[in-house]
């Protein structure tokens, strides 16, 4: 599974596109379109607003209903390997973001392991509770912070979503664990992009294409 770079809509030449996005492979766009690459061909319809005719590449994707043509403009300011690197960096950034928001993180703040959602809504909720908890500690309040989390699954008991009361200290620890969850993925992403940069300087298209999040 790879991710089409439909954010910048930039791609390399048709030859390199075939190595980065093999026909028959499965793909997923940031917009959520999932499908199989049927073929890659030069785009017969250049972008009308371009003052100069730039070479383009169209990827034909079969998403089960209709063939979808996703057009990518090749920037004349960058060479093939630079565009391949930018495409890979965009793929890694998206993979990092999706991992952060789609994967739960764990915290032992409550005395045993619980799991927490980390999508944008839950991150905002945790940040709000951490602020509330910080004020409670400063003012000496005994107020608790209710927040939903998941029990740690066992062999006989699946994970269950529960509303747990957190003391200010416990809520602040959950916030720290969320920060570590985000930081771990950002560090991994930066390391992978550094590796991709090395591969680009070596003009290693094949290794760059096979790099995955």
N, C-alpha and C. Protein backbone atom coordinates (compact mmCIF):
# COMPACT_ATOMS: atom_id res chain seq x y z
N UNK A 1 0.84 -1.19 0.00
CA UNK A 1 0.00 0.00 0.00
C UNK A 1 0.88 1.24 0.00
N UNK A 2 0.60 2.18 -0.91
CA UNK A 2 1.33 3.44 -0.91
C UNK A 2 0.31 4.57 -0.97
N UNK A 3 0.79 5.78 -0.86
CA UNK A 3 -0.09 6.93 -0.82
C UNK A 3 0.22 7.83 -2.01
N UNK A 4 -0.80 8.12 -2.82
CA UNK A 4 -0.62 9.03 -3.93
C UNK A 4 -0.38 10.43 -3.39
N UNK A 5 0.54 11.14 -3.98
CA UNK A 5 0.81 12.51 -3.56
C UNK A 5 -0.13 13.46 -4.31
N UNK A 6 -1.36 13.60 -3.81
CA UNK A 6 -2.31 14.51 -4.44
C UNK A 6 -2.36 15.84 -3.71
N UNK A 7 -1.43 16.06 -2.80
CA UNK A 7 -1.39 17.33 -2.09
C UNK A 7 -0.67 18.38 -2.93
N UNK A 8 0.55 18.09 -3.33
CA UNK A 8 1.31 19.02 -4.16
C UNK A 8 1.01 18.81 -5.64
N UNK A 9 0.46 17.63 -5.97
CA UNK A 9 0.16 17.27 -7.36
C UNK A 9 1.40 17.41 -8.24
N UNK A 10 2.52 17.07 -7.68
CA UNK A 10 3.75 17.05 -8.45
C UNK A 10 4.25 15.62 -8.54
N UNK A 11 4.74 15.24 -9.67
CA UNK A 11 5.26 13.91 -9.85
C UNK A 11 6.44 14.00 -10.80
N UNK A 12 7.15 12.91 -10.92
CA UNK A 12 8.30 12.89 -11.82
C UNK A 12 7.85 12.45 -13.20
N UNK A 13 8.80 12.20 -14.09
CA UNK A 13 8.46 11.80 -15.44
C UNK A 13 7.78 10.45 -15.44
N UNK A 14 7.22 10.10 -16.58
CA UNK A 14 6.47 8.85 -16.68
C UNK A 14 7.32 7.64 -16.29
N UNK A 15 8.59 7.63 -16.71
CA UNK A 15 9.46 6.49 -16.41
C UNK A 15 9.64 6.32 -14.90
N UNK A 16 9.91 7.42 -14.21
CA UNK A 16 10.11 7.34 -12.77
C UNK A 16 8.79 7.07 -12.07
N UNK A 17 7.69 7.62 -12.61
CA UNK A 17 6.37 7.37 -12.02
C UNK A 17 6.06 5.88 -12.00
N UNK A 18 6.47 5.19 -13.05
CA UNK A 18 6.20 3.75 -13.10
C UNK A 18 6.97 2.99 -12.01
N UNK A 19 8.15 3.51 -11.65
CA UNK A 19 8.92 2.84 -10.60
C UNK A 19 8.39 3.20 -9.22
N UNK A 20 7.84 4.41 -9.07
CA UNK A 20 7.31 4.82 -7.77
C UNK A 20 5.91 4.27 -7.53
N UNK A 21 5.11 4.18 -8.58
CA UNK A 21 3.73 3.73 -8.45
C UNK A 21 3.48 2.60 -9.45
N UNK A 22 3.90 1.38 -9.13
CA UNK A 22 3.78 0.27 -10.07
C UNK A 22 2.33 -0.04 -10.42
N UNK A 23 2.10 -0.37 -11.67
CA UNK A 23 0.76 -0.77 -12.09
C UNK A 23 0.35 -2.05 -11.37
N UNK A 24 -0.89 -2.09 -10.90
CA UNK A 24 -1.39 -3.25 -10.18
C UNK A 24 -1.23 -3.11 -8.67
N UNK A 25 -0.53 -2.08 -8.22
CA UNK A 25 -0.35 -1.90 -6.78
C UNK A 25 -1.55 -1.16 -6.20
N UNK A 26 -1.74 -1.33 -4.90
CA UNK A 26 -2.83 -0.66 -4.22
C UNK A 26 -2.38 0.70 -3.74
N UNK A 27 -3.27 1.66 -3.78
CA UNK A 27 -2.93 3.01 -3.36
C UNK A 27 -4.04 3.66 -2.56
N UNK A 28 -3.69 4.69 -1.83
CA UNK A 28 -4.64 5.43 -1.02
C UNK A 28 -4.31 6.90 -1.11
N UNK A 29 -5.30 7.72 -1.49
CA UNK A 29 -5.07 9.15 -1.57
C UNK A 29 -5.37 9.79 -0.23
N UNK A 30 -4.82 10.98 0.05
CA UNK A 30 -5.15 11.68 1.29
C UNK A 30 -6.64 11.97 1.41
N UNK A 31 -7.35 12.03 0.26
CA UNK A 31 -8.78 12.26 0.31
C UNK A 31 -9.56 10.99 0.65
N UNK A 32 -8.87 9.85 0.76
CA UNK A 32 -9.53 8.62 1.14
C UNK A 32 -9.89 7.72 -0.03
N UNK A 33 -9.47 8.08 -1.26
CA UNK A 33 -9.74 7.24 -2.42
C UNK A 33 -8.79 6.06 -2.43
N UNK A 34 -9.34 4.88 -2.40
CA UNK A 34 -8.52 3.67 -2.43
C UNK A 34 -8.76 2.94 -3.74
N UNK A 35 -7.72 2.48 -4.35
CA UNK A 35 -7.89 1.79 -5.61
C UNK A 35 -6.61 1.15 -6.10
N UNK A 36 -6.68 0.61 -7.31
CA UNK A 36 -5.54 -0.07 -7.91
C UNK A 36 -5.07 0.72 -9.13
N UNK A 37 -3.77 0.89 -9.24
CA UNK A 37 -3.23 1.59 -10.40
C UNK A 37 -3.38 0.71 -11.64
N UNK A 38 -4.09 1.21 -12.62
CA UNK A 38 -4.28 0.44 -13.85
C UNK A 38 -3.16 0.71 -14.85
N UNK A 39 -2.86 1.98 -15.04
CA UNK A 39 -1.81 2.33 -16.01
C UNK A 39 -1.36 3.75 -15.76
N UNK A 40 -0.20 4.05 -16.25
CA UNK A 40 0.37 5.39 -16.15
C UNK A 40 0.67 5.86 -17.56
N UNK A 41 0.27 7.07 -17.88
CA UNK A 41 0.44 7.56 -19.24
C UNK A 41 0.61 9.06 -19.22
N UNK A 42 1.19 9.62 -20.29
CA UNK A 42 1.29 11.08 -20.36
C UNK A 42 -0.10 11.69 -20.39
N UNK A 43 -0.29 12.78 -19.68
CA UNK A 43 -1.59 13.42 -19.62
C UNK A 43 -1.86 14.15 -20.93
N UNK A 44 -2.93 13.78 -21.65
CA UNK A 44 -3.20 14.42 -22.95
C UNK A 44 -3.75 15.84 -22.81
N UNK A 45 -4.18 16.24 -21.60
CA UNK A 45 -4.77 17.55 -21.41
C UNK A 45 -3.94 18.36 -20.42
N UNK A 46 -3.04 19.21 -20.90
CA UNK A 46 -2.23 20.02 -19.98
C UNK A 46 -3.11 21.00 -19.23
N UNK A 47 -2.63 21.44 -18.08
CA UNK A 47 -3.39 22.41 -17.29
C UNK A 47 -3.57 23.70 -18.08
N UNK A 48 -4.82 24.14 -18.17
CA UNK A 48 -5.15 25.27 -19.04
C UNK A 48 -4.49 26.56 -18.57
N UNK A 49 -4.30 26.70 -17.26
CA UNK A 49 -3.78 27.95 -16.74
C UNK A 49 -2.26 28.03 -16.79
N UNK A 50 -1.60 26.98 -17.22
CA UNK A 50 -0.15 27.02 -17.31
C UNK A 50 0.29 27.88 -18.48
N UNK A 51 1.13 28.88 -18.25
CA UNK A 51 1.59 29.72 -19.37
C UNK A 51 2.51 28.96 -20.32
N UNK A 52 3.13 27.91 -19.81
CA UNK A 52 4.02 27.09 -20.62
C UNK A 52 3.52 25.66 -20.56
N UNK A 53 3.63 24.93 -21.64
CA UNK A 53 3.18 23.54 -21.66
C UNK A 53 4.18 22.70 -20.89
N UNK A 54 3.79 22.26 -19.72
CA UNK A 54 4.64 21.39 -18.92
C UNK A 54 4.23 19.94 -19.16
N UNK A 55 5.21 19.07 -19.18
CA UNK A 55 4.91 17.65 -19.28
C UNK A 55 4.14 17.23 -18.03
N UNK A 56 3.13 16.40 -18.23
CA UNK A 56 2.35 15.93 -17.11
C UNK A 56 2.25 14.41 -17.14
N UNK A 57 1.89 13.84 -16.02
CA UNK A 57 1.67 12.41 -15.93
C UNK A 57 0.32 12.17 -15.29
N UNK A 58 -0.45 11.28 -15.86
CA UNK A 58 -1.75 10.93 -15.28
C UNK A 58 -1.71 9.50 -14.79
N UNK A 59 -2.17 9.29 -13.58
CA UNK A 59 -2.28 7.94 -13.03
C UNK A 59 -3.74 7.54 -13.08
N UNK A 60 -4.03 6.44 -13.72
CA UNK A 60 -5.41 5.95 -13.83
C UNK A 60 -5.65 4.96 -12.71
N UNK A 61 -6.62 5.25 -11.87
CA UNK A 61 -6.89 4.43 -10.70
C UNK A 61 -8.29 3.84 -10.79
N UNK A 62 -8.39 2.55 -10.59
CA UNK A 62 -9.68 1.87 -10.54
C UNK A 62 -10.09 1.76 -9.08
N UNK A 63 -11.13 2.50 -8.68
CA UNK A 63 -11.57 2.45 -7.29
C UNK A 63 -12.83 1.59 -7.12
N UNK A 64 -13.10 0.72 -8.08
CA UNK A 64 -14.23 -0.19 -7.97
C UNK A 64 -15.46 0.29 -8.71
N UNK A 65 -15.55 1.60 -8.95
CA UNK A 65 -16.70 2.16 -9.66
C UNK A 65 -16.29 2.70 -11.02
N UNK A 66 -15.48 3.71 -10.99
CA UNK A 66 -15.04 4.35 -12.23
C UNK A 66 -13.53 4.51 -12.20
N UNK A 67 -12.96 4.62 -13.38
CA UNK A 67 -11.56 4.95 -13.46
C UNK A 67 -11.38 6.42 -13.10
N UNK A 68 -10.45 6.70 -12.24
CA UNK A 68 -10.21 8.06 -11.79
C UNK A 68 -8.85 8.51 -12.30
N UNK A 69 -8.84 9.62 -13.01
CA UNK A 69 -7.60 10.17 -13.53
C UNK A 69 -7.07 11.22 -12.55
N UNK A 70 -5.92 10.97 -11.98
CA UNK A 70 -5.31 11.95 -11.09
C UNK A 70 -4.12 12.56 -11.81
N UNK A 71 -4.18 13.86 -12.05
CA UNK A 71 -3.17 14.53 -12.85
C UNK A 71 -2.10 15.15 -11.95
N UNK A 72 -0.88 15.04 -12.37
CA UNK A 72 0.24 15.59 -11.63
C UNK A 72 1.06 16.46 -12.57
N UNK A 73 1.31 17.69 -12.18
CA UNK A 73 2.12 18.59 -13.01
C UNK A 73 3.58 18.42 -12.63
N UNK A 74 4.41 18.23 -13.61
CA UNK A 74 5.84 18.11 -13.37
C UNK A 74 6.46 19.51 -13.34
N UNK A 75 7.03 19.86 -12.22
CA UNK A 75 7.65 21.18 -12.11
C UNK A 75 8.96 21.20 -12.90
N UNK A 76 9.15 22.17 -13.78
CA UNK A 76 10.40 22.24 -14.55
C UNK A 76 11.58 22.71 -13.71
N UNK A 77 11.30 23.21 -12.49
CA UNK A 77 12.37 23.74 -11.67
C UNK A 77 13.12 22.64 -10.92
N UNK A 78 12.56 21.44 -10.87
CA UNK A 78 13.18 20.35 -10.13
C UNK A 78 13.47 19.19 -11.07
N UNK A 79 14.57 18.49 -10.79
CA UNK A 79 14.85 17.31 -11.60
C UNK A 79 14.11 16.10 -11.06
N UNK A 80 14.25 14.98 -11.74
CA UNK A 80 13.48 13.78 -11.39
C UNK A 80 13.72 13.34 -9.95
N UNK A 81 14.96 13.25 -9.53
CA UNK A 81 15.26 12.72 -8.20
C UNK A 81 14.78 13.68 -7.12
N UNK A 82 14.82 15.00 -7.38
CA UNK A 82 14.32 15.97 -6.40
C UNK A 82 12.81 15.84 -6.24
N UNK A 83 12.12 15.64 -7.35
CA UNK A 83 10.67 15.45 -7.29
C UNK A 83 10.32 14.12 -6.61
N UNK A 84 11.12 13.11 -6.88
CA UNK A 84 10.90 11.81 -6.22
C UNK A 84 11.07 11.95 -4.71
N UNK A 85 12.07 12.74 -4.31
CA UNK A 85 12.30 12.96 -2.88
C UNK A 85 11.13 13.71 -2.26
N UNK A 86 10.65 14.76 -2.92
CA UNK A 86 9.53 15.53 -2.38
C UNK A 86 8.27 14.69 -2.29
N UNK A 87 8.07 13.83 -3.29
CA UNK A 87 6.93 12.93 -3.25
C UNK A 87 7.02 11.98 -2.06
N UNK A 88 8.21 11.44 -1.84
CA UNK A 88 8.41 10.51 -0.72
C UNK A 88 8.26 11.23 0.61
N UNK A 89 8.78 12.46 0.70
CA UNK A 89 8.65 13.22 1.95
C UNK A 89 7.19 13.51 2.26
N UNK A 90 6.40 13.84 1.25
CA UNK A 90 4.97 14.08 1.46
C UNK A 90 4.27 12.80 1.92
N UNK A 91 4.68 11.66 1.35
CA UNK A 91 4.11 10.37 1.75
C UNK A 91 4.44 10.06 3.21
N UNK A 92 5.69 10.32 3.60
CA UNK A 92 6.11 10.06 4.98
C UNK A 92 5.41 10.99 5.96
N UNK A 93 5.25 12.26 5.58
CA UNK A 93 4.55 13.21 6.45
C UNK A 93 3.12 12.78 6.68
N UNK A 94 2.47 12.33 5.61
CA UNK A 94 1.08 11.89 5.74
C UNK A 94 1.00 10.63 6.59
N UNK A 95 1.93 9.69 6.37
CA UNK A 95 1.95 8.48 7.18
C UNK A 95 2.14 8.78 8.66
N UNK A 96 2.99 9.75 8.95
CA UNK A 96 3.23 10.16 10.32
C UNK A 96 1.95 10.73 10.94
N UNK A 97 1.29 11.63 10.22
CA UNK A 97 0.07 12.25 10.74
C UNK A 97 -1.03 11.22 10.97
N UNK A 98 -1.19 10.30 10.01
CA UNK A 98 -2.23 9.28 10.15
C UNK A 98 -1.94 8.35 11.33
N UNK A 99 -0.67 8.01 11.53
CA UNK A 99 -0.30 7.14 12.65
C UNK A 99 -0.61 7.82 13.98
N UNK A 100 -0.31 9.10 14.07
CA UNK A 100 -0.56 9.83 15.31
C UNK A 100 -2.04 9.85 15.66
N UNK A 101 -2.88 10.17 14.68
CA UNK A 101 -4.29 10.37 14.99
C UNK A 101 -5.11 9.08 14.97
N UNK A 102 -4.62 8.05 14.27
CA UNK A 102 -5.40 6.81 14.17
C UNK A 102 -5.01 5.78 15.22
N UNK A 103 -3.81 5.86 15.76
CA UNK A 103 -3.34 4.89 16.75
C UNK A 103 -3.52 5.44 18.16
N UNK A 104 -4.02 4.60 19.04
CA UNK A 104 -4.14 5.01 20.43
C UNK A 104 -2.77 4.95 21.11
N UNK A 105 -2.62 5.74 22.16
CA UNK A 105 -1.41 5.69 22.97
C UNK A 105 -1.80 5.24 24.37
N UNK A 106 -0.85 4.69 25.09
CA UNK A 106 -1.16 4.19 26.43
C UNK A 106 -0.56 5.09 27.49
N UNK A 107 -1.15 5.02 28.67
CA UNK A 107 -0.65 5.75 29.82
C UNK A 107 -0.91 4.92 31.07
N UNK A 108 0.02 4.96 31.99
CA UNK A 108 -0.13 4.27 33.28
C UNK A 108 -0.47 5.27 34.39
N UNK A 109 -0.98 6.44 33.98
CA UNK A 109 -1.24 7.50 34.95
C UNK A 109 -2.24 7.08 36.01
N UNK A 110 -3.18 6.22 35.67
CA UNK A 110 -4.23 5.82 36.61
C UNK A 110 -3.80 4.67 37.53
N UNK A 111 -2.56 4.24 37.41
CA UNK A 111 -2.07 3.15 38.24
C UNK A 111 -2.01 1.84 37.52
N UNK A 112 -2.72 1.74 36.41
CA UNK A 112 -2.66 0.58 35.52
C UNK A 112 -2.79 1.10 34.10
N UNK A 113 -2.55 0.27 33.13
CA UNK A 113 -2.48 0.73 31.75
C UNK A 113 -3.87 0.99 31.16
N UNK A 114 -4.05 2.17 30.60
CA UNK A 114 -5.23 2.53 29.83
C UNK A 114 -4.78 3.12 28.50
N UNK A 115 -5.67 3.03 27.51
CA UNK A 115 -5.35 3.52 26.17
C UNK A 115 -6.23 4.71 25.84
N UNK A 116 -5.67 5.66 25.10
CA UNK A 116 -6.36 6.92 24.81
C UNK A 116 -6.35 7.19 23.31
N UNK A 117 -7.47 7.72 22.81
CA UNK A 117 -7.52 8.14 21.42
C UNK A 117 -6.68 9.39 21.24
N UNK A 118 -6.16 9.56 20.01
CA UNK A 118 -5.27 10.70 19.76
C UNK A 118 -5.67 11.46 18.49
N UNK A 119 -6.97 11.37 18.10
CA UNK A 119 -7.37 12.18 16.96
C UNK A 119 -7.42 13.65 17.39
N UNK A 120 -7.72 14.52 16.46
CA UNK A 120 -7.64 15.95 16.74
C UNK A 120 -8.60 16.36 17.86
N UNK A 121 -9.79 15.78 17.87
CA UNK A 121 -10.75 16.11 18.92
C UNK A 121 -10.22 15.70 20.28
N UNK A 122 -9.71 14.48 20.37
CA UNK A 122 -9.22 13.97 21.66
C UNK A 122 -7.95 14.70 22.10
N UNK A 123 -7.09 15.06 21.15
CA UNK A 123 -5.91 15.84 21.53
C UNK A 123 -6.32 17.17 22.13
N UNK A 124 -7.32 17.81 21.53
CA UNK A 124 -7.79 19.09 22.06
C UNK A 124 -8.43 18.90 23.43
N UNK A 125 -9.17 17.80 23.59
CA UNK A 125 -9.81 17.52 24.88
C UNK A 125 -8.77 17.29 25.97
N UNK A 126 -7.73 16.53 25.64
CA UNK A 126 -6.66 16.27 26.62
C UNK A 126 -5.94 17.56 26.97
N UNK A 127 -5.65 18.38 25.97
CA UNK A 127 -4.97 19.64 26.23
C UNK A 127 -5.81 20.55 27.12
N UNK A 128 -7.13 20.57 26.89
CA UNK A 128 -8.02 21.35 27.74
C UNK A 128 -8.04 20.84 29.17
N UNK A 129 -8.06 19.52 29.32
CA UNK A 129 -8.05 18.94 30.66
C UNK A 129 -6.73 19.18 31.38
N UNK A 130 -5.63 19.15 30.62
CA UNK A 130 -4.32 19.42 31.22
C UNK A 130 -4.26 20.86 31.73
N UNK A 131 -4.81 21.79 30.96
CA UNK A 131 -4.87 23.18 31.40
C UNK A 131 -5.71 23.30 32.66
N UNK A 132 -6.86 22.63 32.66
CA UNK A 132 -7.73 22.64 33.84
C UNK A 132 -6.99 22.05 35.05
N UNK A 133 -6.27 20.94 34.82
CA UNK A 133 -5.55 20.28 35.91
C UNK A 133 -4.44 21.18 36.45
N UNK A 134 -3.77 21.89 35.57
CA UNK A 134 -2.69 22.79 36.00
C UNK A 134 -3.24 23.90 36.89
N UNK A 135 -4.37 24.47 36.48
CA UNK A 135 -5.00 25.51 37.29
C UNK A 135 -5.44 24.95 38.64
N UNK A 136 -5.96 23.70 38.62
CA UNK A 136 -6.41 23.07 39.86
C UNK A 136 -5.25 22.89 40.83
N UNK A 137 -4.09 22.51 40.31
CA UNK A 137 -2.92 22.34 41.18
C UNK A 137 -2.47 23.68 41.76
N UNK A 138 -2.51 24.72 40.92
CA UNK A 138 -2.07 26.04 41.38
C UNK A 138 -3.00 26.58 42.47
N UNK A 139 -4.30 26.38 42.29
CA UNK A 139 -5.28 26.92 43.23
C UNK A 139 -5.56 25.99 44.41
N UNK A 140 -5.01 24.77 44.34
CA UNK A 140 -5.24 23.82 45.41
C UNK A 140 -6.60 23.16 45.36
N UNK A 141 -7.24 23.18 44.20
CA UNK A 141 -8.57 22.58 44.04
C UNK A 141 -8.46 21.05 44.00
N UNK A 142 -9.50 20.39 44.45
CA UNK A 142 -9.55 18.92 44.41
C UNK A 142 -10.40 18.41 43.25
N UNK A 143 -10.70 19.28 42.29
CA UNK A 143 -11.53 18.89 41.15
C UNK A 143 -10.83 17.80 40.34
N UNK A 144 -11.64 16.89 39.81
CA UNK A 144 -11.11 15.82 38.97
C UNK A 144 -11.42 16.11 37.52
N UNK A 145 -10.75 15.40 36.63
CA UNK A 145 -10.91 15.60 35.19
C UNK A 145 -11.46 14.32 34.57
N UNK A 146 -12.76 14.24 34.30
CA UNK A 146 -13.30 13.05 33.63
C UNK A 146 -12.82 12.99 32.18
N UNK A 147 -12.39 11.81 31.76
CA UNK A 147 -11.94 11.65 30.38
C UNK A 147 -12.12 10.19 29.96
N UNK A 148 -12.55 10.00 28.70
CA UNK A 148 -12.75 8.64 28.18
C UNK A 148 -11.41 7.99 27.82
N UNK A 149 -11.29 6.72 28.14
CA UNK A 149 -10.12 5.94 27.76
C UNK A 149 -10.55 4.49 27.61
N UNK A 150 -9.61 3.62 27.32
CA UNK A 150 -9.93 2.22 27.06
C UNK A 150 -9.13 1.32 28.00
N UNK A 151 -9.79 0.29 28.48
CA UNK A 151 -9.10 -0.66 29.34
C UNK A 151 -8.09 -1.46 28.53
N UNK A 152 -7.08 -1.95 29.20
CA UNK A 152 -6.06 -2.76 28.54
C UNK A 152 -6.66 -4.13 28.23
N UNK A 153 -6.68 -4.56 26.98
CA UNK A 153 -7.30 -5.85 26.65
C UNK A 153 -6.50 -7.03 27.21
N UNK A 154 -7.20 -8.09 27.53
CA UNK A 154 -6.57 -9.33 27.98
C UNK A 154 -7.00 -10.46 27.06
N UNK A 155 -6.55 -11.66 27.35
CA UNK A 155 -6.89 -12.82 26.52
C UNK A 155 -8.38 -13.14 26.59
N UNK A 156 -9.01 -12.80 27.70
CA UNK A 156 -10.43 -13.15 27.88
C UNK A 156 -11.34 -11.92 27.92
N UNK A 157 -10.75 -10.74 28.00
CA UNK A 157 -11.56 -9.53 28.11
C UNK A 157 -11.10 -8.50 27.08
N UNK A 158 -11.98 -8.14 26.11
CA UNK A 158 -11.58 -7.13 25.13
C UNK A 158 -11.51 -5.75 25.76
N UNK A 159 -10.88 -4.85 25.06
CA UNK A 159 -10.77 -3.47 25.53
C UNK A 159 -12.14 -2.82 25.54
N UNK A 160 -12.44 -2.06 26.59
CA UNK A 160 -13.73 -1.38 26.71
C UNK A 160 -13.51 0.11 26.94
N UNK A 161 -14.35 0.92 26.33
CA UNK A 161 -14.27 2.36 26.51
C UNK A 161 -14.98 2.73 27.81
N UNK A 162 -14.28 3.47 28.65
CA UNK A 162 -14.82 3.83 29.96
C UNK A 162 -14.53 5.30 30.24
N UNK A 163 -15.39 5.92 31.04
CA UNK A 163 -15.18 7.30 31.47
C UNK A 163 -14.54 7.24 32.85
N UNK A 164 -13.29 7.69 32.93
CA UNK A 164 -12.54 7.61 34.18
C UNK A 164 -12.25 9.01 34.72
N UNK A 165 -12.35 9.14 36.03
CA UNK A 165 -11.99 10.39 36.68
C UNK A 165 -10.48 10.41 36.91
N UNK A 166 -9.84 11.49 36.49
CA UNK A 166 -8.41 11.66 36.65
C UNK A 166 -8.14 12.80 37.64
N UNK A 167 -7.25 12.57 38.56
CA UNK A 167 -6.79 13.68 39.40
C UNK A 167 -5.98 14.63 38.54
N UNK A 168 -5.76 15.86 38.98
CA UNK A 168 -4.93 16.78 38.19
C UNK A 168 -3.57 16.19 37.84
N UNK A 169 -2.93 15.53 38.81
CA UNK A 169 -1.62 14.93 38.53
C UNK A 169 -1.71 13.85 37.47
N UNK A 170 -2.77 13.04 37.54
CA UNK A 170 -2.94 11.97 36.55
C UNK A 170 -3.21 12.54 35.17
N UNK A 171 -4.00 13.60 35.08
CA UNK A 171 -4.32 14.19 33.79
C UNK A 171 -3.09 14.81 33.15
N UNK A 172 -2.27 15.44 33.96
CA UNK A 172 -1.03 16.03 33.44
C UNK A 172 -0.12 14.93 32.90
N UNK A 173 -0.08 13.78 33.57
CA UNK A 173 0.74 12.67 33.09
C UNK A 173 0.21 12.14 31.76
N UNK A 174 -1.11 12.07 31.60
CA UNK A 174 -1.69 11.66 30.32
C UNK A 174 -1.26 12.62 29.22
N UNK A 175 -1.24 13.92 29.53
CA UNK A 175 -0.78 14.90 28.56
C UNK A 175 0.67 14.68 28.17
N UNK A 176 1.50 14.33 29.13
CA UNK A 176 2.90 14.04 28.84
C UNK A 176 3.03 12.81 27.95
N UNK A 177 2.19 11.80 28.22
CA UNK A 177 2.25 10.58 27.41
C UNK A 177 1.76 10.84 25.98
N UNK A 178 0.76 11.72 25.83
CA UNK A 178 0.32 12.11 24.49
C UNK A 178 1.46 12.81 23.75
N UNK A 179 2.14 13.71 24.44
CA UNK A 179 3.26 14.42 23.83
C UNK A 179 4.33 13.43 23.38
N UNK A 180 4.61 12.40 24.18
CA UNK A 180 5.62 11.42 23.82
C UNK A 180 5.17 10.59 22.62
N UNK A 181 3.87 10.28 22.56
CA UNK A 181 3.31 9.55 21.41
C UNK A 181 3.54 10.33 20.12
N UNK A 182 3.26 11.62 20.16
CA UNK A 182 3.45 12.47 18.98
C UNK A 182 4.94 12.58 18.65
N UNK A 183 5.75 12.81 19.67
CA UNK A 183 7.19 13.00 19.47
C UNK A 183 7.84 11.75 18.88
N UNK A 184 7.45 10.57 19.35
CA UNK A 184 8.03 9.33 18.83
C UNK A 184 7.81 9.21 17.33
N UNK A 185 6.60 9.55 16.87
CA UNK A 185 6.30 9.43 15.44
C UNK A 185 6.98 10.52 14.63
N UNK A 186 7.10 11.71 15.19
CA UNK A 186 7.79 12.80 14.49
C UNK A 186 9.27 12.47 14.33
N UNK A 187 9.88 11.92 15.37
CA UNK A 187 11.29 11.52 15.28
C UNK A 187 11.48 10.44 14.23
N UNK A 188 10.57 9.46 14.23
CA UNK A 188 10.65 8.40 13.22
C UNK A 188 10.53 8.98 11.82
N UNK A 189 9.59 9.91 11.64
CA UNK A 189 9.39 10.54 10.33
C UNK A 189 10.64 11.29 9.89
N UNK A 190 11.21 12.06 10.80
CA UNK A 190 12.42 12.82 10.45
C UNK A 190 13.59 11.90 10.10
N UNK A 191 13.71 10.78 10.82
CA UNK A 191 14.77 9.82 10.51
C UNK A 191 14.58 9.21 9.12
N UNK A 192 13.33 8.87 8.79
CA UNK A 192 13.05 8.30 7.47
C UNK A 192 13.31 9.32 6.37
N UNK A 193 12.95 10.57 6.60
CA UNK A 193 13.20 11.61 5.59
C UNK A 193 14.69 11.85 5.42
N UNK A 194 15.44 11.71 6.50
CA UNK A 194 16.89 11.84 6.39
C UNK A 194 17.45 10.70 5.54
N UNK A 195 16.93 9.48 5.73
CA UNK A 195 17.36 8.34 4.91
C UNK A 195 16.99 8.57 3.45
N UNK A 196 15.78 9.10 3.22
CA UNK A 196 15.35 9.38 1.86
C UNK A 196 16.25 10.41 1.20
N UNK A 197 16.69 11.39 1.97
CA UNK A 197 17.59 12.42 1.44
C UNK A 197 18.91 11.79 0.98
N UNK A 198 19.42 10.85 1.78
CA UNK A 198 20.66 10.17 1.41
C UNK A 198 20.47 9.38 0.12
N UNK A 199 19.34 8.68 0.01
CA UNK A 199 19.07 7.89 -1.20
C UNK A 199 18.95 8.80 -2.42
N UNK A 200 18.38 9.99 -2.23
CA UNK A 200 18.22 10.90 -3.36
C UNK A 200 19.58 11.41 -3.84
N UNK A 201 20.49 11.64 -2.92
CA UNK A 201 21.82 12.11 -3.32
C UNK A 201 22.58 11.02 -4.05
N UNK A 202 22.20 9.76 -3.81
CA UNK A 202 22.83 8.63 -4.49
C UNK A 202 22.08 8.25 -5.76
N UNK A 203 20.99 9.01 -6.08
CA UNK A 203 20.15 8.72 -7.25
C UNK A 203 19.62 7.29 -7.23
N UNK A 204 19.30 6.80 -6.04
CA UNK A 204 18.80 5.43 -5.90
C UNK A 204 17.28 5.44 -5.93
N UNK A 205 16.71 5.47 -7.16
CA UNK A 205 15.26 5.53 -7.32
C UNK A 205 14.58 4.31 -6.70
N UNK A 206 15.16 3.13 -6.93
CA UNK A 206 14.53 1.90 -6.48
C UNK A 206 14.40 1.85 -4.97
N UNK A 207 15.49 2.17 -4.27
CA UNK A 207 15.44 2.15 -2.80
C UNK A 207 14.50 3.23 -2.28
N UNK A 208 14.49 4.38 -2.95
CA UNK A 208 13.60 5.46 -2.53
C UNK A 208 12.14 5.06 -2.71
N UNK A 209 11.85 4.36 -3.81
CA UNK A 209 10.48 3.96 -4.09
C UNK A 209 9.98 2.91 -3.10
N UNK A 210 10.87 2.03 -2.65
CA UNK A 210 10.46 0.95 -1.76
C UNK A 210 10.42 1.37 -0.29
N UNK A 211 10.91 2.57 0.02
CA UNK A 211 10.85 3.04 1.41
C UNK A 211 9.41 3.26 1.81
N UNK A 212 9.03 2.73 2.95
CA UNK A 212 7.66 2.84 3.44
C UNK A 212 7.64 3.38 4.85
N UNK A 213 6.54 4.03 5.20
CA UNK A 213 6.36 4.51 6.57
C UNK A 213 6.27 3.33 7.51
